[in-house]
Amino acid sequence: MRTDSSPGDLPAREHLPATDAGTPVLDVVIPVYNEEKDLQPCVLRLHEHLKRTFPYAFRITVADNASTDTTPQVAARLAARLPEVVSRRLEQKGRGRALRTVWSASDAPVLAYMDVDLSTDLNALLPLVAPLISGHSDLAIGSRLARSSRVVRGAKREFISRSYNLILRGSLQARFSDAQCGFKAIRRDVAQVLLPLVEDSGWFFDTEMLVLAERAGLRIHEVPVDWVDDPDSTVHIVRTATDDLKGVWRVGRALAGGSLSLDRLARPFGDDPRDRELTDVPKGLARQLVGFCVVGGLSTLFYLLLYSGFRSFSGSQVANALALLVSAVANTAANRRLTFGVRGRGGAVRHQAQGLVVFGIGLVLTSGSLAALNAATNDPAHSTELAVLIAANLAATVLRFLLFRAWVFPDRHDEPSTSTSPSPSTPAPSPVVASHRPGGHAAHPAAPHPMPVRPGPPAYRPLPQRPTAPATPSSPTQAATSYDTAPFRAGDAADQGWGDSTMQMQAVRPHDHDPRNAR
């Protein structure tokens, strides 16, 4: 398990902390090339949707990919008209190049992009970025191929899209369902480390980014979307498909050759719950069971082959003992390395000695089964002997796994401490926990509460909201509201009736309701 940290490591996932009110939480990039007709309706519609539904500060960035029509002038007029809109001009074409350039320079903690045709319904935008704001996920993608997605497009594009994703699953073992949907988001701290590893600057940029993120163990959130095909799309399907296949071959070859330094995307030790020291929770049991079953199946075949060979020149008991001895040594060595992950020669002799003891138990079970068979039948058939031995070996296999896990290869890290009481030098856990109270007033410490309090993750102030018209303050405290951390005793919130300082979300359109609803 890797425990060190390098400059390329990602920080631990956490809910985005509060920042200055002027810093946008979300930066939506719209890459365009010669889109003078669709650009203004797209930006106006997106801006209106974000103003109406998105609770945090945002920015819309138009990334012009060396357009030769009036697209730059349209983008400049929109940027001058709307304060949340900015325009960036690139002198080279390529959607991937535009996204890499804008995302690398953005100061927003969440970065997204969408196609200018707005084929994807905008109601999926907030579900797309919410897991990134909360710290749950690293990337998020819209999926047109999810079971609950609702898609309207021609048979040709449907066939190409599904065929492409089948190619990704078969060649690169991709698990995400839709690589090319123009509706994606990524956390900025992840993009800073991931984007330098992405080589493509065109349409394959999305796929390469997702494949590398998935191979590095990053969490990708998928959102089913409603999507309507744009019949006026200028995307050249054949050329794009050819470039994508070339990219699949390049990335697959790089992954197979180990030339991609995906260790740069490792999370710090402790962020993964599997890294935590948890008592009374067996570690790796599922993986060990799978490994043991595979090794056991191969060992059984090896044992039966040996038994059949030894049986040709010896009795059944001698053949069984020799076959078990040879296969037991091989089985112990294979389980030591593959199932329980023990490396090196240290303790190998002791493990083999303990494995021979387990072999002795298996010998007693199988020999006893053969003895019982010979007592019941004077001259049993060879197939009957094999059937009895298989049944006896199944019983011995279960016992062998339990002995291997508990005695031969025990997990020393799973042993709980023998002392459950704190030492005199160890301070007792404090019953005081942190909370946010508006107004900046500190609460007085109270007596320890008898109920034990488990420490939780750090709390953060609300994310910055869009500036709104200032309300008239009723008191100096309300005029300079701040969110300071104040200690309080567990249970005080219920005892004193403190108000919840969490931002309350109002309905987007309160007048939109069903008149048949009596409420």
Protein backbone atom coordinates (compact mmCIF):
# COMPACT_ATOMS: atom_id res chain seq x y z
CA MET A 1 0.00 0.00 0.00
CA ARG A 2 1.43 3.35 -1.03
CA THR A 3 1.66 5.78 1.88
CA ASP A 4 3.96 8.54 0.65
CA SER A 5 2.87 11.77 -0.98
CA SER A 6 4.39 13.38 -4.06
CA PRO A 7 3.67 16.81 -5.57
CA GLY A 8 1.31 15.16 -8.07
CA ASP A 9 -0.90 13.53 -5.45
CA LEU A 10 -4.53 14.55 -5.19
CA PRO A 11 -5.90 16.02 -1.95
CA ALA A 12 -8.43 14.12 0.10
CA ARG A 13 -12.02 14.44 -1.08
CA GLU A 14 -14.00 16.95 0.94
CA HIS A 15 -16.91 19.32 0.57
CA LEU A 16 -15.75 22.50 -1.11
CA PRO A 17 -15.03 25.13 1.54
CA ALA A 18 -16.47 28.61 1.46
CA THR A 19 -14.55 31.14 -0.63
CA ASP A 20 -14.87 34.79 -1.49
CA ALA A 21 -18.25 35.83 -2.81
CA GLY A 22 -16.73 36.96 -6.09
CA THR A 23 -15.15 33.59 -6.91
CA PRO A 24 -17.43 31.38 -9.02
CA VAL A 25 -17.99 27.83 -7.84
CA LEU A 26 -18.79 26.58 -11.36
CA ASP A 27 -17.13 27.47 -14.66
CA VAL A 28 -19.09 26.16 -17.68
CA VAL A 29 -17.02 26.12 -20.87
CA ILE A 30 -18.70 26.18 -24.30
CA PRO A 31 -16.17 25.30 -27.02
CA VAL A 32 -17.25 26.69 -30.39
CA TYR A 33 -16.04 26.78 -33.96
CA ASN A 34 -17.97 28.87 -36.49
CA GLU A 35 -21.14 28.90 -34.39
CA GLU A 36 -22.31 32.46 -35.07
CA LYS A 37 -25.90 31.27 -35.43
CA ASP A 38 -26.26 29.11 -32.30
CA LEU A 39 -23.89 30.81 -29.86
CA GLN A 40 -26.09 33.67 -28.62
CA PRO A 41 -29.28 31.61 -28.06
CA CYS A 42 -27.21 28.95 -26.28
CA VAL A 43 -25.47 31.37 -23.90
CA LEU A 44 -28.64 33.31 -23.13
CA ARG A 45 -30.57 30.15 -22.39
CA LEU A 46 -27.79 28.71 -20.22
CA HIS A 47 -27.33 31.99 -18.37
CA GLU A 48 -31.03 32.28 -17.64
CA HIS A 49 -31.14 28.68 -16.40
CA LEU A 50 -28.18 29.14 -14.07
CA LYS A 51 -29.53 32.43 -12.73
CA ARG A 52 -32.84 30.77 -11.97
CA THR A 53 -31.76 27.38 -10.61
CA PHE A 54 -28.08 27.35 -9.59
CA PRO A 55 -27.61 28.49 -5.97
CA TYR A 56 -23.91 29.44 -6.23
CA ALA A 57 -21.80 31.90 -8.15
CA PHE A 58 -21.01 30.76 -11.69
CA ARG A 59 -19.19 31.72 -14.86
CA ILE A 60 -19.82 30.89 -18.53
CA THR A 61 -16.69 30.81 -20.70
CA VAL A 62 -16.97 30.81 -24.48
CA ALA A 63 -13.85 29.10 -25.89
CA ASP A 64 -13.52 30.08 -29.54
CA ASN A 65 -11.51 27.52 -31.53
CA ALA A 66 -10.07 29.74 -34.29
CA SER A 67 -13.45 30.54 -35.83
CA THR A 68 -13.40 32.24 -39.22
CA ASP A 69 -16.92 33.73 -39.13
CA THR A 70 -18.40 36.30 -36.74
CA THR A 71 -18.36 33.95 -33.73
CA PRO A 72 -15.67 36.04 -31.89
CA GLN A 73 -17.75 39.20 -32.24
CA VAL A 74 -20.87 37.45 -30.94
CA ALA A 75 -18.92 36.13 -27.95
CA ALA A 76 -17.49 39.60 -27.23
CA ARG A 77 -20.97 41.18 -27.27
CA LEU A 78 -22.27 38.54 -24.85
CA ALA A 79 -19.31 39.08 -22.50
CA ALA A 80 -19.94 42.83 -22.52
CA ARG A 81 -23.65 42.35 -21.92
CA LEU A 82 -23.55 39.70 -19.18
CA PRO A 83 -21.08 39.98 -16.26
CA GLU A 84 -21.02 36.18 -15.75
CA VAL A 85 -19.88 35.55 -19.34
CA VAL A 86 -16.26 35.73 -20.54
CA SER A 87 -14.76 34.99 -23.94
CA ARG A 88 -11.47 33.25 -24.76
CA ARG A 89 -9.94 33.11 -28.23
CA LEU A 90 -7.68 30.24 -29.35
CA GLU A 91 -5.80 30.39 -32.63
CA GLN A 92 -5.85 26.59 -33.08
CA LYS A 93 -8.76 24.22 -33.54
CA GLY A 94 -9.59 21.29 -31.27
CA ARG A 95 -12.21 20.80 -28.57
CA GLY A 96 -9.72 19.07 -26.30
CA ARG A 97 -7.23 21.92 -26.72
CA ALA A 98 -9.91 24.47 -25.81
CA LEU A 99 -11.00 22.57 -22.70
CA ARG A 100 -7.44 22.01 -21.51
CA THR A 101 -6.55 25.69 -21.98
CA VAL A 102 -9.59 27.12 -20.23
CA TRP A 103 -9.76 24.54 -17.45
CA SER A 104 -6.05 24.94 -16.67
CA ALA A 105 -6.45 28.71 -16.26
CA SER A 106 -9.77 28.72 -14.39
CA ASP A 107 -9.98 29.50 -10.67
CA ALA A 108 -13.38 27.83 -10.17
CA PRO A 109 -13.29 24.64 -8.05
CA VAL A 110 -15.73 22.85 -10.40
CA LEU A 111 -15.20 22.88 -14.17
CA ALA A 112 -17.78 21.74 -16.72
CA TYR A 113 -18.44 21.90 -20.42
CA MET A 114 -21.34 21.39 -22.78
CA ASP A 115 -21.90 21.53 -26.52
CA VAL A 116 -23.23 24.72 -28.03
CA ASP A 117 -26.29 23.01 -29.51
CA LEU A 118 -27.60 22.29 -25.97
CA SER A 119 -28.82 18.87 -27.03
CA THR A 120 -28.70 17.84 -23.36
CA ASP A 121 -31.54 19.09 -21.18
CA LEU A 122 -30.19 21.68 -18.73
CA ASN A 123 -32.10 20.20 -15.80
CA ALA A 124 -29.28 17.64 -15.54
CA LEU A 125 -26.64 20.33 -14.88
CA LEU A 126 -27.15 20.66 -11.13
CA PRO A 127 -27.23 16.85 -10.59
CA LEU A 128 -24.05 16.70 -12.68
CA VAL A 129 -21.98 19.05 -10.52
CA ALA A 130 -23.54 18.35 -7.11
CA PRO A 131 -21.36 15.25 -6.40
CA LEU A 132 -18.26 17.29 -7.22
CA ILE A 133 -19.25 20.15 -4.92
CA SER A 134 -19.96 17.73 -2.08
CA GLY A 135 -16.63 15.93 -2.56
CA HIS A 136 -18.26 12.60 -3.33
CA SER A 137 -16.88 12.25 -6.87
CA ASP A 138 -13.93 13.40 -8.97
CA LEU A 139 -15.58 13.54 -12.40
CA ALA A 140 -19.18 13.50 -13.61
CA ILE A 141 -20.57 12.69 -17.04
CA GLY A 142 -23.96 12.78 -18.68
CA SER A 143 -25.00 9.44 -20.13
CA ARG A 144 -27.31 8.98 -23.09
CA LEU A 145 -27.00 5.21 -22.81
CA ALA A 146 -28.23 4.83 -19.22
CA ARG A 147 -31.42 2.84 -18.78
CA SER A 148 -33.41 5.85 -17.56
CA SER A 149 -32.10 8.29 -20.19
CA ARG A 150 -34.55 9.61 -22.77
CA VAL A 151 -32.88 10.12 -26.15
CA VAL A 152 -34.21 11.22 -29.53
CA ARG A 153 -31.77 10.63 -32.40
CA GLY A 154 -31.41 8.76 -35.67
CA ALA A 155 -30.51 5.11 -36.03
CA LYS A 156 -27.12 5.95 -37.58
CA ARG A 157 -25.86 7.96 -34.61
CA GLU A 158 -27.36 5.46 -32.17
CA PHE A 159 -25.51 2.59 -33.84
CA ILE A 160 -22.20 4.49 -33.97
CA SER A 161 -22.43 5.58 -30.33
CA ARG A 162 -23.21 2.13 -28.98
CA SER A 163 -20.60 0.47 -31.19
CA TYR A 164 -17.96 2.92 -29.98
CA ASN A 165 -18.75 2.24 -26.34
CA LEU A 166 -18.63 -1.50 -26.98
CA ILE A 167 -15.17 -1.03 -28.46
CA LEU A 168 -14.08 0.88 -25.35
CA ARG A 169 -15.41 -1.85 -23.07
CA GLY A 170 -13.76 -4.62 -25.06
CA SER A 171 -10.38 -2.99 -25.69
CA LEU A 172 -9.79 -0.64 -22.73
CA GLN A 173 -12.09 -2.35 -20.17
CA ALA A 174 -14.00 0.91 -19.71
CA ARG A 175 -16.93 0.76 -17.30
CA PHE A 176 -18.50 4.16 -17.94
CA SER A 177 -21.44 4.00 -20.30
CA ASP A 178 -21.09 7.08 -22.54
CA ALA A 179 -17.72 8.57 -23.47
CA GLN A 180 -18.72 11.16 -26.07
CA CYS A 181 -21.73 12.90 -24.57
CA GLY A 182 -20.90 16.63 -24.58
CA PHE A 183 -21.89 17.11 -20.95
CA LYS A 184 -19.13 16.60 -18.38
CA ALA A 185 -17.63 18.12 -15.24
CA ILE A 186 -14.46 17.70 -13.20
CA ARG A 187 -13.03 19.08 -9.97
CA ARG A 188 -10.23 21.59 -10.56
CA ASP A 189 -7.77 19.84 -8.23
CA VAL A 190 -8.28 16.64 -10.21
CA ALA A 191 -7.96 18.43 -13.55
CA GLN A 192 -4.62 19.96 -12.55
CA VAL A 193 -3.09 16.50 -12.19
CA LEU A 194 -5.09 14.60 -14.82
CA LEU A 195 -4.98 16.97 -17.80
CA PRO A 196 -1.16 16.88 -18.27
CA LEU A 197 -1.50 13.11 -18.87
CA VAL A 198 -4.08 13.57 -21.67
CA GLU A 199 -2.41 13.86 -25.08
CA ASP A 200 -5.36 14.25 -27.44
CA SER A 201 -6.51 17.75 -28.35
CA GLY A 202 -9.56 16.85 -30.42
CA TRP A 203 -12.72 14.79 -29.99
CA PHE A 204 -10.95 11.85 -28.30
CA PHE A 205 -10.00 14.15 -25.40
CA ASP A 206 -13.08 13.11 -23.39
CA THR A 207 -12.50 9.40 -23.80
CA GLU A 208 -8.81 9.54 -22.93
CA MET A 209 -9.51 11.61 -19.82
CA LEU A 210 -12.17 9.18 -18.61
CA VAL A 211 -10.09 6.06 -19.29
CA LEU A 212 -7.09 7.43 -17.40
CA ALA A 213 -9.28 8.59 -14.51
CA GLU A 214 -10.95 5.19 -14.26
CA ARG A 215 -7.64 3.30 -14.43
CA ALA A 216 -6.28 5.54 -11.67
CA GLY A 217 -9.20 4.65 -9.39
CA LEU A 218 -10.93 8.04 -9.49
CA ARG A 219 -14.66 8.15 -8.88
CA ILE A 220 -16.80 8.91 -11.95
CA HIS A 221 -20.45 9.85 -11.40
CA GLU A 222 -22.95 9.24 -14.22
CA VAL A 223 -26.15 11.22 -14.69
CA PRO A 224 -28.92 9.98 -17.01
CA VAL A 225 -29.85 12.79 -19.39
CA ASP A 226 -32.62 13.77 -21.78
CA TRP A 227 -30.97 14.33 -25.14
CA VAL A 228 -32.30 15.43 -28.52
CA ASP A 229 -30.07 15.11 -31.58
CA ASP A 230 -29.19 18.31 -33.44
CA PRO A 231 -29.82 17.67 -37.15
CA ASP A 232 -27.65 20.69 -38.08
CA SER A 233 -24.56 19.41 -36.23
CA THR A 234 -21.29 20.12 -38.08
CA VAL A 235 -19.43 17.14 -36.60
CA HIS A 236 -17.83 14.96 -39.28
CA ILE A 237 -18.84 11.49 -38.11
CA VAL A 238 -16.44 9.39 -40.21
CA ARG A 239 -13.36 11.48 -39.47
CA THR A 240 -14.24 11.68 -35.77
CA ALA A 241 -14.74 7.90 -35.57
CA THR A 242 -11.40 7.30 -37.29
CA ASP A 243 -9.56 9.62 -34.92
CA ASP A 244 -11.26 7.97 -31.94
CA LEU A 245 -10.15 4.50 -33.03
CA LYS A 246 -6.58 5.76 -33.43
CA GLY A 247 -6.80 7.19 -29.92
CA VAL A 248 -8.10 3.89 -28.54
CA TRP A 249 -5.13 2.09 -30.05
CA ARG A 250 -2.64 4.65 -28.68
CA VAL A 251 -4.05 4.65 -25.14
CA GLY A 252 -4.40 0.86 -25.08
CA ARG A 253 -0.78 0.44 -26.14
CA ALA A 254 0.40 2.95 -23.52
CA LEU A 255 -1.57 1.23 -20.76
CA ALA A 256 -0.27 -2.20 -21.79
CA GLY A 257 3.32 -0.92 -21.88
CA GLY A 258 3.08 0.86 -18.53
CA SER A 259 4.23 4.21 -19.94
CA LEU A 260 1.46 6.19 -18.20
CA SER A 261 2.40 7.36 -14.69
CA LEU A 262 -1.02 6.88 -13.16
CA ASP A 263 0.54 6.73 -9.68
CA ARG A 264 0.56 10.52 -9.83
CA LEU A 265 -3.20 10.36 -9.31
CA ALA A 266 -2.98 8.42 -6.04
CA ARG A 267 -5.07 9.64 -3.15
CA PRO A 268 -3.36 10.34 0.19
CA PHE A 269 -3.27 7.47 2.64
CA GLY A 270 -6.45 7.33 4.69
CA ASP A 271 -8.85 8.87 2.15
CA ASP A 272 -9.87 5.42 0.98
CA PRO A 273 -11.94 3.70 3.71
CA ARG A 274 -10.10 0.48 2.89
CA ASP A 275 -6.93 2.13 4.25
CA ARG A 276 -8.43 2.76 7.69
CA GLU A 277 -7.56 0.68 10.71
CA LEU A 278 -10.90 -0.89 11.54
CA THR A 279 -11.30 -3.53 14.20
CA ASP A 280 -13.71 -6.47 13.94
CA VAL A 281 -13.89 -6.05 10.15
CA PRO A 282 -12.15 -8.78 8.13
CA LYS A 283 -10.01 -7.32 5.36
CA GLY A 284 -9.79 -8.77 1.90
CA LEU A 285 -12.07 -11.72 2.63
CA ALA A 286 -13.82 -11.64 -0.76
CA ARG A 287 -10.56 -11.38 -2.67
CA GLN A 288 -8.99 -14.16 -0.62
CA LEU A 289 -11.99 -16.43 -1.22
CA VAL A 290 -11.77 -15.89 -4.97
CA GLY A 291 -8.03 -16.49 -5.00
CA PHE A 292 -8.33 -19.57 -2.82
CA CYS A 293 -11.06 -21.04 -5.02
CA VAL A 294 -8.98 -20.50 -8.17
CA VAL A 295 -5.87 -22.01 -6.58
CA GLY A 296 -7.96 -24.82 -5.09
CA GLY A 297 -9.53 -25.69 -8.44
CA LEU A 298 -6.15 -25.85 -10.15
CA SER A 299 -4.71 -27.84 -7.25
CA THR A 300 -7.56 -30.34 -7.46
CA LEU A 301 -6.93 -30.91 -11.16
CA PHE A 302 -3.21 -31.25 -10.44
CA TYR A 303 -3.97 -33.71 -7.62
CA LEU A 304 -6.26 -35.86 -9.79
CA LEU A 305 -3.65 -36.01 -12.56
CA LEU A 306 -0.99 -37.03 -10.05
CA TYR A 307 -3.28 -39.62 -8.46
CA SER A 308 -4.09 -41.15 -11.84
CA GLY A 309 -0.37 -41.33 -12.66
CA PHE A 310 0.67 -42.81 -9.32
CA ARG A 311 -2.27 -45.24 -9.35
CA SER A 312 -0.89 -46.92 -12.47
CA PHE A 313 2.00 -48.48 -10.52
CA SER A 314 0.86 -48.37 -6.84
CA GLY A 315 -2.14 -48.94 -4.62
CA SER A 316 -4.84 -46.38 -4.00
CA GLN A 317 -3.58 -45.36 -0.52
CA VAL A 318 0.02 -44.84 -1.69
CA ALA A 319 -1.10 -42.97 -4.81
CA ASN A 320 -3.40 -40.74 -2.74
CA ALA A 321 -0.66 -39.94 -0.21
CA LEU A 322 1.93 -39.08 -2.88
CA ALA A 323 -0.50 -36.98 -4.92
CA LEU A 324 -1.64 -35.11 -1.82
CA LEU A 325 1.93 -34.42 -0.69
CA VAL A 326 3.07 -32.96 -4.00
CA SER A 327 -0.10 -30.95 -4.58
CA ALA A 328 -0.12 -29.69 -0.97
CA VAL A 329 3.36 -28.15 -1.34
CA ALA A 330 2.32 -26.47 -4.59
CA ASN A 331 -1.01 -25.37 -3.08
CA THR A 332 0.65 -23.78 -0.04
CA ALA A 333 3.16 -21.90 -2.21
CA ALA A 334 0.43 -20.63 -4.56
CA ASN A 335 -1.89 -19.53 -1.75
CA ARG A 336 1.00 -17.86 0.05
CA ARG A 337 1.74 -15.65 -2.93
CA LEU A 338 -1.55 -15.23 -4.77
CA THR A 339 -4.27 -15.52 -2.14
CA PHE A 340 -2.72 -13.99 0.98
CA GLY A 341 -0.15 -11.74 -0.70
CA VAL A 342 2.94 -12.90 1.22
CA ARG A 343 6.12 -11.90 -0.64
CA GLY A 344 9.73 -12.91 -0.12
CA ARG A 345 11.30 -15.97 1.44
CA GLY A 346 10.78 -14.96 5.05
CA GLY A 347 8.72 -17.56 6.89
CA ALA A 348 8.43 -19.77 3.81
CA VAL A 349 9.73 -22.86 5.61
CA ARG A 350 7.38 -22.32 8.54
CA HIS A 351 4.44 -21.81 6.18
CA GLN A 352 5.26 -25.03 4.34
CA ALA A 353 5.53 -26.91 7.65
CA GLN A 354 2.14 -25.59 8.71
CA GLY A 355 0.81 -26.42 5.28
CA LEU A 356 1.98 -30.03 5.76
CA VAL A 357 -0.04 -30.17 8.97
CA VAL A 358 -3.07 -29.02 6.99
CA PHE A 359 -2.10 -31.64 4.41
CA GLY A 360 -2.17 -34.27 7.16
CA ILE A 361 -5.73 -33.32 8.01
CA GLY A 362 -6.70 -33.60 4.36
CA LEU A 363 -4.91 -36.94 4.17
CA VAL A 364 -6.94 -38.27 7.10
CA LEU A 365 -10.20 -37.16 5.45
CA THR A 366 -9.42 -38.57 2.00
CA SER A 367 -7.76 -41.76 3.28
CA GLY A 368 -10.67 -42.39 5.60
CA SER A 369 -13.04 -41.93 2.67
CA LEU A 370 -11.08 -44.45 0.58
CA ALA A 371 -10.98 -46.89 3.48
CA ALA A 372 -14.73 -46.61 3.89
CA LEU A 373 -15.20 -47.17 0.16
CA ASN A 374 -12.96 -50.27 0.14
CA ALA A 375 -14.79 -51.63 3.17
CA ALA A 376 -18.10 -51.22 1.37
CA THR A 377 -16.91 -52.56 -2.03
CA ASN A 378 -14.13 -55.06 -2.61
CA ASP A 379 -13.13 -53.75 -6.05
CA PRO A 380 -14.54 -50.22 -6.63
CA ALA A 381 -14.39 -48.67 -10.08
CA HIS A 382 -11.82 -45.96 -10.79
CA SER A 383 -14.54 -43.41 -11.48
CA THR A 384 -16.12 -44.20 -8.10
CA GLU A 385 -12.81 -43.61 -6.36
CA LEU A 386 -12.44 -40.25 -8.08
CA ALA A 387 -15.98 -39.21 -7.08
CA VAL A 388 -15.35 -40.10 -3.43
CA LEU A 389 -12.04 -38.27 -3.45
CA ILE A 390 -13.63 -35.15 -4.96
CA ALA A 391 -16.28 -35.08 -2.21
CA ALA A 392 -13.66 -35.60 0.48
CA ASN A 393 -11.46 -32.88 -1.02
CA LEU A 394 -14.34 -30.40 -0.99
CA ALA A 395 -14.75 -30.91 2.75
CA ALA A 396 -11.00 -30.67 3.23
CA THR A 397 -10.87 -27.47 1.15
CA VAL A 398 -13.24 -25.58 3.44
CA LEU A 399 -11.23 -26.62 6.47
CA ARG A 400 -7.98 -25.77 4.68
CA PHE A 401 -9.10 -22.19 3.93
CA LEU A 402 -10.11 -21.59 7.54
CA LEU A 403 -6.78 -22.92 8.81
CA PHE A 404 -4.81 -20.95 6.24
CA ARG A 405 -6.56 -17.69 7.10
CA ALA A 406 -6.56 -18.08 10.88
CA TRP A 407 -3.32 -19.99 11.49
CA VAL A 408 -0.90 -20.20 8.56
CA PHE A 409 -1.33 -16.71 7.06
CA PRO A 410 -3.08 -14.59 9.70
CA ASP A 411 -3.54 -10.86 9.10
CA ARG A 412 -1.49 -9.36 11.91
CA HIS A 413 -2.97 -5.92 11.34
CA ASP A 414 -6.47 -7.15 12.14
CA GLU A 415 -5.57 -8.10 15.73
CA PRO A 416 -7.31 -5.69 18.10
CA SER A 417 -5.42 -4.08 20.90
CA THR A 418 -5.55 -5.94 24.19
CA SER A 419 -6.00 -2.72 26.10
CA THR A 420 -9.32 -0.96 25.84
CA SER A 421 -8.82 1.67 28.53
CA PRO A 422 -6.90 4.87 27.77
CA SER A 423 -3.41 5.18 29.19
CA PRO A 424 -2.61 7.94 31.65
CA SER A 425 -0.65 9.83 29.00
CA THR A 426 -3.44 9.67 26.45
CA PRO A 427 -5.95 12.50 26.76
CA ALA A 428 -9.56 11.48 26.97
CA PRO A 429 -11.70 12.35 23.96
CA SER A 430 -13.26 15.74 24.28
CA PRO A 431 -17.06 15.87 24.40
CA VAL A 432 -16.97 19.26 22.66
CA VAL A 433 -17.67 19.22 18.95
CA ALA A 434 -17.62 22.01 16.41
CA SER A 435 -20.58 23.71 14.84
CA HIS A 436 -21.28 26.91 12.92
CA ARG A 437 -23.41 29.60 14.46
CA PRO A 438 -24.21 32.84 12.70
CA GLY A 439 -23.25 36.04 14.41
CA GLY A 440 -19.80 35.12 15.64
CA HIS A 441 -20.84 34.67 19.29
CA ALA A 442 -18.98 31.97 21.18
CA ALA A 443 -20.92 29.58 23.30
CA HIS A 444 -19.84 28.92 26.85
CA PRO A 445 -18.39 25.46 27.51
CA ALA A 446 -20.74 23.17 29.31
CA ALA A 447 -20.20 20.15 31.49
CA PRO A 448 -19.30 16.93 29.70
CA HIS A 449 -22.27 15.10 28.34
CA PRO A 450 -22.56 11.47 29.43
CA MET A 451 -23.24 10.35 25.86
CA PRO A 452 -19.94 9.64 24.02
CA VAL A 453 -19.40 11.80 20.97
CA ARG A 454 -17.61 10.44 17.94
CA PRO A 455 -15.50 13.05 16.17
CA GLY A 456 -16.81 13.93 12.74
CA PRO A 457 -15.40 15.62 9.66
CA PRO A 458 -14.70 19.35 9.69
CA ALA A 459 -17.64 21.56 8.89
CA TYR A 460 -17.49 24.34 6.32
CA ARG A 461 -19.30 27.54 5.70
CA PRO A 462 -21.86 27.63 2.89
CA LEU A 463 -20.52 28.00 -0.61
CA PRO A 464 -20.66 31.49 -2.12
CA GLN A 465 -24.01 32.46 -3.52
CA ARG A 466 -24.75 34.88 -6.29
CA PRO A 467 -24.85 38.47 -5.09
CA THR A 468 -28.39 39.57 -4.40
CA ALA A 469 -29.97 42.80 -3.32
CA PRO A 470 -28.89 43.51 0.26
CA ALA A 471 -31.62 43.31 2.86
CA THR A 472 -32.02 45.99 5.49
CA PRO A 473 -30.32 44.75 8.65
CA SER A 474 -32.36 44.77 11.80
CA SER A 475 -29.31 44.71 14.07
CA PRO A 476 -25.53 45.20 13.81
CA THR A 477 -25.15 41.47 14.22
CA GLN A 478 -27.22 40.79 11.16
CA ALA A 479 -25.40 43.49 9.21
CA ALA A 480 -22.07 41.69 9.67
CA THR A 481 -23.12 38.09 9.76
CA SER A 482 -20.20 35.69 9.89
CA TYR A 483 -19.93 31.99 10.35
CA ASP A 484 -17.51 31.21 13.09
CA THR A 485 -16.79 27.87 14.67
CA ALA A 486 -18.22 27.74 18.18
CA PRO A 487 -18.05 24.78 20.58
CA PHE A 488 -21.21 23.35 22.02
CA ARG A 489 -22.12 20.30 24.01
CA ALA A 490 -23.78 17.39 22.25
CA GLY A 491 -27.49 17.77 22.75
CA ASP A 492 -27.44 21.56 23.23
CA ALA A 493 -28.99 22.07 19.81
CA ALA A 494 -32.03 20.10 20.90
CA ASP A 495 -32.09 21.62 24.41
CA GLN A 496 -31.81 25.27 23.37
CA GLY A 497 -33.65 25.10 20.07
CA TRP A 498 -30.88 26.64 17.99
CA GLY A 499 -31.85 27.44 14.41
CA ASP A 500 -30.28 25.57 11.55
CA SER A 501 -27.69 27.76 9.82
CA THR A 502 -27.80 25.70 6.64
CA MET A 503 -28.85 27.67 3.59
CA GLN A 504 -32.51 27.06 2.85
CA MET A 505 -33.29 26.25 -0.80
CA GLN A 506 -36.45 27.89 -2.10
CA ALA A 507 -38.53 26.49 -4.91
CA VAL A 508 -37.27 27.57 -8.30
CA ARG A 509 -40.70 28.57 -9.53
CA PRO A 510 -43.20 28.59 -6.62
CA HIS A 511 -46.09 29.32 -8.96
CA ASP A 512 -45.50 26.11 -10.91
CA HIS A 513 -47.81 23.64 -9.25
CA ASP A 514 -50.59 21.32 -10.14
CA PRO A 515 -53.94 23.05 -9.55
CA ARG A 516 -55.38 19.66 -8.69
CA ASN A 517 -53.10 19.49 -5.65
CA ALA A 518 -55.19 20.65 -2.68
CA ARG A 519 -52.11 21.70 -0.78
